[in-house]
Amino acid sequence: MNKLKQLFAGGAVLTFMSGVAHAEYGLNMPVGVTETSRQVYDLHMLILWVCVAIGVVVFGAMVYSMIYHRKSRGAVAAQFHESMTAELVWTVIPFVILVVMAIPATTVLIDMHDTSEADMTVKVTGYQWKWGYEYIGEDVAFFSSLDAKSNEARQVGSDIDPATVENYLLDVDHPLVLPVGKKVRILLTAADVIHAWWVPDFGWKKDAIPGFINEAWVRVDEPGVYRGQCAELCGRDHGFMPIVVVVKSVEDYEAWLAEQKGAAASAKLAAIEDLDPRELKQKGKKVYRANCVACHQKKGEGIPGVFPAITGSAIATGDINSHINMVMNGKIGTAMAGFKDQLSDVELAAVITYQRNSLGNKVGDAVQPAQIAALR
């Protein structure tokens, strides 16, 4: 009896909790904001109703037979072994249904893979755990990482409540920006392991595979902000590499592109100047929070047995050239990736300077961007 009461009590609690906290859900696929997504939705609805019609006919015939041809009503089962008519019916009808579904499905698949006549091309590269975007022919490239607030809130022992962070784990520091109404060819690859680029509102997802180029395309008809995530289990921080695409009017996109080109030119000029060590530390803190904190933790203590500490480490307090080499090229056979192709000369100089003079370390030296540029 006590066990029965406990069972009813547990059921009541679960019923109450299901009304208080439940996952967001929808009753159907989203229509999306691209031609591809609408085609996929229409195809989904067509096949759904074909399946519904088949189900109604099949189960309707079964129910009718069980009611009106049951033994209690005197029905006698037919005695036959072969029927050419039945064989033809249940072979021809499914074949016709498959053809009816295959023709529009093939049309949609062909359209989804047709990247010809694109207005622009963007190369997307997956990294552990961020995305790299390169606008082919425009000399604009940048990395897109989890935004600082989400990154800090997700850390164990963080003082920030994730519930207070807008778009928690679904926002980035540098979103991909595209013009509305333009066909954009997407080239997808990866630098380390397999990732998958997925924005649900676009109606497709593609794997990003090291050493291989996948192609896709998108033409967004409505300006707005569209969010997605890596859809491939790619490692420890798989859940922390979101995708944000901002679609602007053509005029606003051109203005943004010009701004990015100006920023890139300024960064090149900054790379040949010596910076004040205090400025390097300030920049380095931001770079560290965006790229290093997941493994080495906010205060540089690392994760014992998994990721080494930076505080008091032989690398961060020892020979500066070894430290530079480690950050730029990584360490083979470990989770330490090389950041030579992910960070600029200024960012690399800043984060190394920060690691050597913060997080409990006080070496007192500094790395200048020119030193990094000389090693590329």
Protein backbone atom coordinates (compact mmCIF):
# COMPACT_ATOMS: atom_id res chain seq x y z
CA MET A 1 0.00 0.00 0.00
CA ASN A 2 2.85 2.40 0.85
CA LYS A 3 4.50 1.66 -2.48
CA LEU A 4 1.21 2.41 -4.24
CA LYS A 5 0.96 5.76 -2.45
CA GLN A 6 4.56 6.59 -3.39
CA LEU A 7 3.79 5.74 -7.02
CA PHE A 8 0.74 8.04 -7.09
CA ALA A 9 2.71 10.80 -5.33
CA GLY A 10 5.53 10.53 -7.86
CA GLY A 11 3.05 10.65 -10.72
CA ALA A 12 1.43 13.77 -9.27
CA VAL A 13 4.81 15.49 -8.96
CA LEU A 14 5.74 14.64 -12.56
CA THR A 15 2.35 15.87 -13.81
CA PHE A 16 2.79 19.16 -11.95
CA MET A 17 6.38 19.61 -13.16
CA SER A 18 5.41 18.92 -16.78
CA GLY A 19 3.10 21.91 -16.63
CA VAL A 20 5.73 24.15 -15.06
CA ALA A 21 8.88 23.24 -17.02
CA HIS A 22 8.68 21.73 -20.46
CA ALA A 23 10.78 21.81 -23.60
CA GLU A 24 9.77 23.98 -26.53
CA TYR A 25 8.04 21.88 -29.13
CA GLY A 26 6.21 22.26 -32.40
CA LEU A 27 3.60 20.13 -34.13
CA ASN A 28 5.18 20.37 -37.56
CA MET A 29 8.33 21.32 -39.45
CA PRO A 30 9.08 25.05 -39.71
CA VAL A 31 8.43 26.55 -43.13
CA GLY A 32 11.71 28.49 -43.02
CA VAL A 33 12.79 31.61 -44.91
CA THR A 34 14.41 30.22 -48.06
CA GLU A 35 13.17 28.69 -51.30
CA THR A 36 14.79 25.39 -50.31
CA SER A 37 13.11 25.29 -46.91
CA ARG A 38 9.69 25.92 -48.49
CA GLN A 39 10.29 23.17 -51.07
CA VAL A 40 11.27 20.75 -48.31
CA TYR A 41 8.19 21.72 -46.29
CA ASP A 42 5.86 21.24 -49.29
CA LEU A 43 7.47 17.87 -50.04
CA HIS A 44 7.06 16.86 -46.41
CA MET A 45 3.37 17.77 -46.45
CA LEU A 46 2.77 15.96 -49.76
CA ILE A 47 4.32 12.72 -48.50
CA LEU A 48 2.59 13.10 -45.12
CA TRP A 49 -0.85 13.26 -46.78
CA VAL A 50 0.00 10.37 -49.09
CA CYS A 51 0.90 8.32 -45.99
CA VAL A 52 -2.31 9.47 -44.26
CA ALA A 53 -4.38 8.40 -47.27
CA ILE A 54 -2.65 5.00 -47.37
CA GLY A 55 -3.24 4.57 -43.65
CA VAL A 56 -6.93 5.46 -43.97
CA VAL A 57 -7.44 2.98 -46.82
CA VAL A 58 -5.48 0.13 -45.23
CA PHE A 59 -6.76 0.46 -41.69
CA GLY A 60 -10.25 1.30 -42.94
CA ALA A 61 -10.30 -1.95 -44.92
CA MET A 62 -9.02 -3.86 -41.87
CA VAL A 63 -11.65 -2.40 -39.53
CA TYR A 64 -14.44 -2.94 -42.07
CA SER A 65 -13.39 -6.57 -42.56
CA MET A 66 -13.19 -7.25 -38.82
CA ILE A 67 -16.67 -5.81 -38.26
CA TYR A 68 -18.65 -7.10 -41.24
CA HIS A 69 -16.77 -10.31 -42.02
CA ARG A 70 -16.32 -11.75 -38.56
CA LYS A 71 -17.15 -15.33 -37.71
CA SER A 72 -20.04 -14.40 -35.40
CA ARG A 73 -21.88 -13.00 -38.42
CA GLY A 74 -21.45 -16.23 -40.31
CA ALA A 75 -18.61 -15.12 -42.58
CA VAL A 76 -16.66 -17.93 -44.18
CA ALA A 77 -13.06 -17.39 -45.25
CA ALA A 78 -12.35 -17.74 -48.96
CA GLN A 79 -10.28 -20.73 -49.95
CA PHE A 80 -7.71 -19.76 -52.59
CA HIS A 81 -3.92 -19.71 -52.84
CA GLU A 82 -3.02 -17.47 -55.79
CA SER A 83 -4.69 -14.50 -57.44
CA MET A 84 -3.08 -12.75 -60.40
CA THR A 85 -5.37 -9.76 -59.88
CA ALA A 86 -4.33 -9.34 -56.25
CA GLU A 87 -0.66 -9.72 -57.15
CA LEU A 88 -0.95 -7.01 -59.81
CA VAL A 89 -2.90 -4.65 -57.55
CA TRP A 90 -0.51 -4.75 -54.60
CA THR A 91 2.50 -4.46 -56.94
CA VAL A 92 1.32 -1.76 -59.35
CA ILE A 93 -0.36 0.58 -56.84
CA PRO A 94 2.72 0.90 -54.50
CA PHE A 95 4.92 1.40 -57.57
CA VAL A 96 2.72 4.26 -58.79
CA ILE A 97 2.72 5.82 -55.30
CA LEU A 98 6.52 5.64 -55.12
CA VAL A 99 6.82 7.31 -58.54
CA VAL A 100 4.40 10.06 -57.49
CA MET A 101 6.58 10.76 -54.43
CA ALA A 102 9.96 10.24 -56.16
CA ILE A 103 9.46 12.84 -58.91
CA PRO A 104 9.02 15.91 -56.64
CA ALA A 105 11.62 14.55 -54.16
CA THR A 106 14.21 14.23 -56.93
CA THR A 107 13.40 17.72 -58.19
CA VAL A 108 13.96 19.20 -54.72
CA LEU A 109 17.23 17.29 -54.25
CA ILE A 110 18.56 18.53 -57.60
CA ASP A 111 17.64 22.12 -56.70
CA MET A 112 19.28 21.80 -53.28
CA HIS A 113 22.60 20.77 -54.86
CA ASP A 114 22.60 23.33 -57.70
CA THR A 115 25.15 25.95 -56.60
CA SER A 116 25.54 27.45 -60.09
CA GLU A 117 24.98 31.13 -60.87
CA ALA A 118 25.73 32.23 -57.31
CA ASP A 119 26.09 35.95 -56.57
CA MET A 120 28.81 35.40 -53.97
CA THR A 121 30.77 32.64 -52.22
CA VAL A 122 31.53 32.15 -48.53
CA LYS A 123 33.92 29.50 -47.25
CA VAL A 124 32.90 28.04 -43.88
CA THR A 125 35.47 26.12 -41.82
CA GLY A 126 34.65 24.23 -38.64
CA TYR A 127 37.12 24.26 -35.74
CA GLN A 128 37.01 22.89 -32.21
CA TRP A 129 34.92 24.83 -31.27
CA LYS A 130 34.16 27.79 -33.48
CA TRP A 131 33.43 28.67 -37.10
CA GLY A 132 35.68 30.46 -39.57
CA TYR A 133 34.10 32.54 -42.36
CA GLU A 134 35.93 33.75 -45.45
CA TYR A 135 34.26 35.91 -48.10
CA ILE A 136 35.91 34.71 -51.29
CA GLY A 137 37.23 37.55 -53.43
CA GLU A 138 36.51 40.22 -50.80
CA ASP A 139 39.58 39.89 -48.54
CA VAL A 140 37.31 39.59 -45.50
CA ALA A 141 37.66 36.70 -43.04
CA PHE A 142 36.94 36.23 -39.34
CA PHE A 143 36.15 33.66 -36.66
CA SER A 144 32.80 33.27 -34.95
CA SER A 145 32.82 31.99 -31.36
CA LEU A 146 30.32 31.65 -28.55
CA ASP A 147 29.57 35.10 -27.12
CA ALA A 148 31.42 36.14 -23.96
CA LYS A 149 28.35 36.22 -21.66
CA SER A 150 27.22 32.71 -22.58
CA ASN A 151 30.79 31.46 -22.39
CA GLU A 152 31.23 32.82 -18.88
CA ALA A 153 27.80 31.73 -17.65
CA ARG A 154 28.35 28.13 -18.75
CA GLN A 155 31.53 27.72 -16.70
CA VAL A 156 31.36 25.62 -13.54
CA GLY A 157 31.12 27.91 -10.54
CA SER A 158 30.19 30.98 -12.60
CA ASP A 159 28.41 33.83 -10.79
CA ILE A 160 26.22 34.49 -13.84
CA ASP A 161 22.80 32.84 -13.99
CA PRO A 162 22.31 31.40 -17.52
CA ALA A 163 18.63 32.37 -17.33
CA THR A 164 19.67 36.04 -17.35
CA VAL A 165 21.70 35.70 -20.56
CA GLU A 166 19.75 36.54 -23.70
CA ASN A 167 19.97 33.80 -26.36
CA TYR A 168 22.06 31.68 -23.98
CA LEU A 169 24.42 29.39 -25.96
CA LEU A 170 22.84 30.62 -29.21
CA ASP A 171 24.75 33.88 -29.70
CA VAL A 172 28.20 34.61 -31.10
CA ASP A 173 30.74 37.42 -31.10
CA HIS A 174 30.96 37.72 -34.91
CA PRO A 175 27.90 36.54 -36.88
CA LEU A 176 27.93 35.63 -40.55
CA VAL A 177 26.38 38.53 -42.49
CA LEU A 178 24.61 37.99 -45.83
CA PRO A 179 22.63 40.21 -48.22
CA VAL A 180 18.93 39.54 -48.65
CA GLY A 181 17.75 38.08 -51.96
CA LYS A 182 21.22 37.04 -53.16
CA LYS A 183 22.22 33.47 -53.97
CA VAL A 184 25.16 32.61 -51.71
CA ARG A 185 27.35 29.59 -52.46
CA ILE A 186 28.61 27.95 -49.27
CA LEU A 187 31.85 25.94 -49.28
CA LEU A 188 32.11 23.76 -46.19
CA THR A 189 35.20 22.11 -44.70
CA ALA A 190 36.84 21.53 -41.31
CA ALA A 191 40.30 21.93 -39.81
CA ASP A 192 40.25 19.14 -37.22
CA VAL A 193 37.24 16.82 -36.87
CA ILE A 194 33.86 16.48 -38.59
CA HIS A 195 31.41 19.28 -37.87
CA ALA A 196 27.99 20.06 -39.40
CA TRP A 197 26.66 23.52 -40.29
CA TRP A 198 22.93 23.73 -39.58
CA VAL A 199 20.52 26.66 -39.53
CA PRO A 200 16.96 25.19 -39.32
CA ASP A 201 15.30 28.17 -41.04
CA PHE A 202 17.42 27.53 -44.16
CA GLY A 203 16.04 24.01 -44.67
CA TRP A 204 19.30 22.03 -44.91
CA LYS A 205 22.47 21.04 -43.08
CA LYS A 206 25.84 19.92 -44.39
CA ASP A 207 28.83 18.12 -42.90
CA ALA A 208 32.13 19.99 -42.67
CA ILE A 209 34.80 17.33 -43.21
CA PRO A 210 38.60 17.80 -42.91
CA GLY A 211 40.31 17.62 -46.29
CA PHE A 212 37.03 17.68 -48.20
CA ILE A 213 34.86 20.48 -49.60
CA ASN A 214 31.07 20.22 -49.43
CA GLU A 215 28.90 22.65 -51.34
CA ALA A 216 25.51 24.18 -50.55
CA TRP A 217 23.67 27.39 -51.29
CA VAL A 218 21.21 29.71 -49.65
CA ARG A 219 19.11 32.67 -50.71
CA VAL A 220 17.27 34.28 -47.81
CA ASP A 221 14.18 36.26 -48.73
CA GLU A 222 13.61 38.02 -45.42
CA PRO A 223 16.06 40.21 -43.46
CA GLY A 224 16.56 39.04 -39.88
CA VAL A 225 18.68 37.02 -37.48
CA TYR A 226 18.74 33.25 -37.91
CA ARG A 227 20.33 30.89 -35.41
CA GLY A 228 21.66 27.37 -35.62
CA GLN A 229 24.24 25.01 -34.15
CA CYS A 230 26.84 22.43 -35.03
CA ALA A 231 24.84 19.26 -35.67
CA GLU A 232 27.73 16.78 -35.39
CA LEU A 233 29.14 15.48 -32.10
CA CYS A 234 32.57 17.07 -32.53
CA GLY A 235 34.12 16.94 -29.07
CA ARG A 236 34.00 18.27 -25.53
CA ASP A 237 32.48 21.68 -26.38
CA HIS A 238 30.22 20.52 -29.21
CA GLY A 239 27.25 22.20 -27.56
CA PHE A 240 29.03 25.56 -27.43
CA MET A 241 29.63 26.41 -31.11
CA PRO A 242 26.42 28.09 -32.29
CA ILE A 243 25.79 29.67 -35.67
CA VAL A 244 24.25 33.12 -36.13
CA VAL A 245 23.44 34.51 -39.58
CA VAL A 246 22.41 38.15 -39.89
CA VAL A 247 20.66 38.93 -43.17
CA LYS A 248 20.73 42.61 -44.13
CA SER A 249 19.41 44.68 -47.00
CA VAL A 250 21.84 44.94 -49.92
CA GLU A 251 22.71 48.53 -48.97
CA ASP A 252 23.36 47.67 -45.32
CA TYR A 253 25.40 44.63 -46.34
CA GLU A 254 27.62 46.71 -48.62
CA ALA A 255 28.18 49.19 -45.78
CA TRP A 256 29.06 46.33 -43.40
CA LEU A 257 31.47 44.83 -45.94
CA ALA A 258 33.25 48.17 -46.38
CA GLU A 259 33.54 48.47 -42.59
CA GLN A 260 35.09 44.99 -42.35
CA LYS A 261 37.64 45.82 -45.04
CA GLY A 262 38.58 48.98 -43.16
CA ALA A 263 38.96 47.05 -39.91
CA ALA A 264 41.18 44.48 -41.66
CA ALA A 265 43.41 47.25 -43.01
CA SER A 266 43.69 48.80 -39.53
CA ALA A 267 44.61 45.40 -38.06
CA LYS A 268 47.44 45.04 -40.57
CA LEU A 269 48.81 48.45 -39.56
CA ALA A 270 48.52 47.59 -35.86
CA ALA A 271 50.50 44.39 -36.45
CA ILE A 272 53.66 46.32 -37.34
CA GLU A 273 53.55 48.62 -34.31
CA ASP A 274 54.85 47.89 -30.83
CA LEU A 275 52.04 48.00 -28.29
CA ASP A 276 52.16 48.95 -24.62
CA PRO A 277 52.31 45.82 -22.40
CA ARG A 278 49.22 47.03 -20.53
CA GLU A 279 47.28 47.28 -23.79
CA LEU A 280 48.49 43.82 -24.77
CA LYS A 281 47.24 42.39 -21.47
CA GLN A 282 43.82 44.01 -21.92
CA LYS A 283 43.47 42.62 -25.44
CA GLY A 284 44.90 39.30 -24.31
CA LYS A 285 42.25 38.89 -21.62
CA LYS A 286 39.49 39.08 -24.23
CA VAL A 287 41.29 36.63 -26.50
CA TYR A 288 41.86 34.24 -23.58
CA ARG A 289 38.18 34.35 -22.54
CA ALA A 290 37.08 33.61 -26.10
CA ASN A 291 39.57 30.86 -26.97
CA CYS A 292 41.33 29.38 -23.94
CA VAL A 293 38.97 29.47 -20.98
CA ALA A 294 37.02 26.33 -21.95
CA CYS A 295 40.04 24.11 -21.32
CA HIS A 296 42.31 26.13 -19.04
CA GLN A 297 39.49 27.73 -17.02
CA LYS A 298 38.84 31.34 -16.06
CA LYS A 299 41.66 31.64 -13.53
CA GLY A 300 44.14 29.46 -15.42
CA GLU A 301 43.79 26.50 -13.07
CA GLY A 302 42.98 24.01 -15.84
CA ILE A 303 41.11 20.75 -15.25
CA PRO A 304 43.27 18.27 -13.29
CA GLY A 305 44.00 15.14 -15.27
CA VAL A 306 42.41 16.58 -18.42
CA PHE A 307 43.77 20.03 -19.29
CA PRO A 308 46.95 21.48 -17.74
CA ALA A 309 46.98 24.69 -15.71
CA ILE A 310 48.53 27.86 -17.06
CA THR A 311 49.12 29.26 -13.60
CA GLY A 312 52.71 28.42 -12.66
CA SER A 313 53.21 26.17 -15.69
CA ALA A 314 56.67 25.61 -17.16
CA ILE A 315 55.45 26.88 -20.54
CA ALA A 316 53.84 30.13 -19.32
CA THR A 317 56.71 30.99 -16.97
CA GLY A 318 59.61 29.56 -18.96
CA ASP A 319 61.27 30.27 -22.29
CA ILE A 320 59.15 32.74 -24.23
CA ASN A 321 59.96 31.15 -27.61
CA SER A 322 58.65 27.79 -26.41
CA HIS A 323 55.50 29.51 -25.24
CA ILE A 324 55.00 31.20 -28.62
CA ASN A 325 55.58 27.92 -30.45
CA MET A 326 53.07 26.10 -28.24
CA VAL A 327 50.29 28.65 -28.80
CA MET A 328 50.95 29.01 -32.53
CA ASN A 329 51.46 25.36 -33.46
CA GLY A 330 49.86 23.37 -30.64
CA LYS A 331 51.13 20.04 -29.38
CA ILE A 332 50.75 16.87 -31.40
CA GLY A 333 48.94 14.04 -29.62
CA THR A 334 47.12 16.33 -27.20
CA ALA A 335 44.02 18.50 -27.22
CA MET A 336 46.19 21.62 -27.52
CA ALA A 337 45.38 23.04 -30.96
CA GLY A 338 47.55 25.47 -32.88
CA PHE A 339 46.14 28.99 -33.17
CA LYS A 340 48.44 30.27 -35.91
CA ASP A 341 45.65 30.20 -38.48
CA GLN A 342 42.89 31.18 -36.07
CA LEU A 343 44.25 34.35 -34.45
CA SER A 344 45.87 37.49 -35.83
CA ASP A 345 49.40 38.60 -34.98
CA VAL A 346 48.04 41.12 -32.48
CA GLU A 347 45.74 38.55 -30.84
CA LEU A 348 48.52 35.97 -30.53
CA ALA A 349 50.95 38.49 -29.05
CA ALA A 350 48.28 39.74 -26.66
CA VAL A 351 47.13 36.36 -25.34
CA ILE A 352 50.69 35.12 -24.78
CA THR A 353 51.56 38.34 -22.93
CA TYR A 354 48.40 37.96 -20.85
CA GLN A 355 49.17 34.35 -19.93
CA ARG A 356 52.72 35.25 -18.82
CA ASN A 357 51.66 38.25 -16.72
CA SER A 358 48.21 37.31 -15.39
CA LEU A 359 46.45 34.21 -14.04
CA GLY A 360 48.92 34.15 -11.16
CA ASN A 361 52.00 34.50 -13.41
CA LYS A 362 54.33 37.53 -13.22
CA VAL A 363 57.13 36.95 -15.70
CA GLY A 364 57.30 40.61 -16.68
CA ASP A 365 58.04 40.23 -20.42
CA ALA A 366 55.84 40.92 -23.46
CA VAL A 367 55.41 39.62 -27.01
CA GLN A 368 54.95 42.10 -29.84
CA PRO A 369 52.93 41.42 -33.04
CA ALA A 370 56.03 41.82 -35.17
CA GLN A 371 57.61 38.82 -33.41
CA ILE A 372 54.62 36.70 -34.35
CA ALA A 373 54.61 37.95 -37.95
CA ALA A 374 58.26 36.98 -38.32
CA LEU A 375 57.43 33.36 -37.41
CA ARG A 376 54.62 32.84 -39.93
